[in-house]
Amino acid sequence: MAEAQDDYREHQQTYEGFSKLVTFSLLWIVVILASMALGIVGGLSILGLLLGVGGSIALLIGFAVLS
């Protein structure tokens, strides 16, 4: 019975880690696409660059703190 509980805990930790990875990936793709849209379509290349770099750093720091 103890082995089943250990397996459940390991699966729970794996699921939480994978969920964080998927969330980070989706948010990072949205930040990159938004910054590309600002730079190419909107004509605000400096703002797009700042959003892309700043957003990527913010996501990295945010998910590093949450881990």
C-alpha atoms as a PDB file:
ATOM      1  CA  MET A   1       0.000   0.000   0.000  1.00  0.00           C
ATOM      2  CA  ALA A   2       2.865   2.363   0.741  1.00  0.00           C
ATOM      3  CA  GLU A   3       4.289   1.784  -2.731  1.00  0.00           C
ATOM      4  CA  ALA A   4       1.009   2.861  -4.320  1.00  0.00           C
ATOM      5  CA  GLN A   5       1.057   6.102  -2.338  1.00  0.00           C
ATOM      6  CA  ASP A   6       4.663   6.745  -3.353  1.00  0.00           C
ATOM      7  CA  ASP A   7       3.769   6.134  -6.985  1.00  0.00           C
ATOM      8  CA  TYR A   8       0.829   8.528  -6.687  1.00  0.00           C
ATOM      9  CA  ARG A   9       3.053  11.266  -5.240  1.00  0.00           C
ATOM     10  CA  GLU A  10       5.620  10.792  -8.011  1.00  0.00           C
ATOM     11  CA  HIS A  11       2.910  10.946 -10.671  1.00  0.00           C
ATOM     12  CA  GLN A  12       1.441  14.050  -9.046  1.00  0.00           C
ATOM     13  CA  GLN A  13       4.842  15.792  -9.061  1.00  0.00           C
ATOM     14  CA  THR A  14       5.436  14.804 -12.677  1.00  0.00           C
ATOM     15  CA  TYR A  15       2.007  16.105 -13.679  1.00  0.00           C
ATOM     16  CA  GLU A  16       2.570  19.426 -11.896  1.00  0.00           C
ATOM     17  CA  GLY A  17       5.982  19.852 -13.515  1.00  0.00           C
ATOM     18  CA  PHE A  18       4.615  19.070 -16.962  1.00  0.00           C
ATOM     19  CA  SER A  19       1.710  21.449 -16.400  1.00  0.00           C
ATOM     20  CA  LYS A  20       4.120  24.269 -15.511  1.00  0.00           C
ATOM     21  CA  LEU A  21       6.209  23.510 -18.599  1.00  0.00           C
ATOM     22  CA  VAL A  22       3.183  23.628 -20.893  1.00  0.00           C
ATOM     23  CA  THR A  23       1.924  26.854 -19.309  1.00  0.00           C
ATOM     24  CA  PHE A  24       5.345  28.481 -19.646  1.00  0.00           C
ATOM     25  CA  SER A  25       5.632  27.390 -23.283  1.00  0.00           C
ATOM     26  CA  LEU A  26       2.212  28.761 -24.206  1.00  0.00           C
ATOM     27  CA  LEU A  27       2.805  32.073 -22.461  1.00  0.00           C
ATOM     28  CA  TRP A  28       6.231  32.446 -24.061  1.00  0.00           C
ATOM     29  CA  ILE A  29       4.797  31.783 -27.531  1.00  0.00           C
ATOM     30  CA  VAL A  30       2.126  34.441 -26.912  1.00  0.00           C
ATOM     31  CA  VAL A  31       4.764  36.979 -25.812  1.00  0.00           C
ATOM     32  CA  ILE A  32       6.929  36.274 -28.852  1.00  0.00           C
ATOM     33  CA  LEU A  33       3.996  36.474 -31.273  1.00  0.00           C
ATOM     34  CA  ALA A  34       2.774  39.722 -29.709  1.00  0.00           C
ATOM     35  CA  SER A  35       6.222  41.280 -29.934  1.00  0.00           C
ATOM     36  CA  MET A  36       6.582  40.135 -33.549  1.00  0.00           C
ATOM     37  CA  ALA A  37       3.160  41.609 -34.363  1.00  0.00           C
ATOM     38  CA  LEU A  38       4.168  44.933 -32.834  1.00  0.00           C
ATOM     39  CA  GLY A  39       7.468  44.946 -34.671  1.00  0.00           C
ATOM     40  CA  ILE A  40       6.312  43.860 -38.106  1.00  0.00           C
ATOM     41  CA  VAL A  41       2.645  44.795 -38.470  1.00  0.00           C
ATOM     42  CA  GLY A  42       2.410  47.658 -35.988  1.00  0.00           C
ATOM     43  CA  GLY A  43       5.613  49.356 -37.042  1.00  0.00           C
ATOM     44  CA  LEU A  44       6.769  49.732 -33.430  1.00  0.00           C
ATOM     45  CA  SER A  45       9.963  47.739 -33.661  1.00  0.00           C
ATOM     46  CA  ILE A  46      11.621  49.144 -30.506  1.00  0.00           C
ATOM     47  CA  LEU A  47       8.510  48.492 -28.414  1.00  0.00           C
ATOM     48  CA  GLY A  48       8.246  44.994 -29.888  1.00  0.00           C
ATOM     49  CA  LEU A  49      11.871  44.290 -29.043  1.00  0.00           C
ATOM     50  CA  LEU A  50      11.452  45.552 -25.491  1.00  0.00           C
ATOM     51  CA  LEU A  51       8.282  43.515 -25.029  1.00  0.00           C
ATOM     52  CA  GLY A  52       9.927  40.380 -26.388  1.00  0.00           C
ATOM     53  CA  VAL A  53      13.072  40.626 -24.290  1.00  0.00           C
ATOM     54  CA  GLY A  54      11.365  41.974 -21.173  1.00  0.00           C
ATOM     55  CA  GLY A  55       8.494  39.514 -21.391  1.00  0.00           C
ATOM     56  CA  SER A  56      10.836  36.567 -21.834  1.00  0.00           C
ATOM     57  CA  ILE A  57      12.920  37.616 -18.834  1.00  0.00           C
ATOM     58  CA  ALA A  58       9.790  38.205 -16.752  1.00  0.00           C
ATOM     59  CA  LEU A  59       8.458  34.746 -17.636  1.00  0.00           C
ATOM     60  CA  LEU A  60      11.767  33.087 -16.774  1.00  0.00           C
ATOM     61  CA  ILE A  61      11.985  34.869 -13.429  1.00  0.00           C
ATOM     62  CA  GLY A  62       8.315  34.271 -12.669  1.00  0.00           C
ATOM     63  CA  PHE A  63       8.449  30.548 -13.306  1.00  0.00           C
ATOM     64  CA  ALA A  64      11.779  30.217 -11.516  1.00  0.00           C
ATOM     65  CA  VAL A  65      10.265  31.800  -8.402  1.00  0.00           C
ATOM     66  CA  LEU A  66       7.125  29.655  -8.605  1.00  0.00           C
ATOM     67  CA  SER A  67       9.101  26.409  -8.798  1.00  0.00           C
END
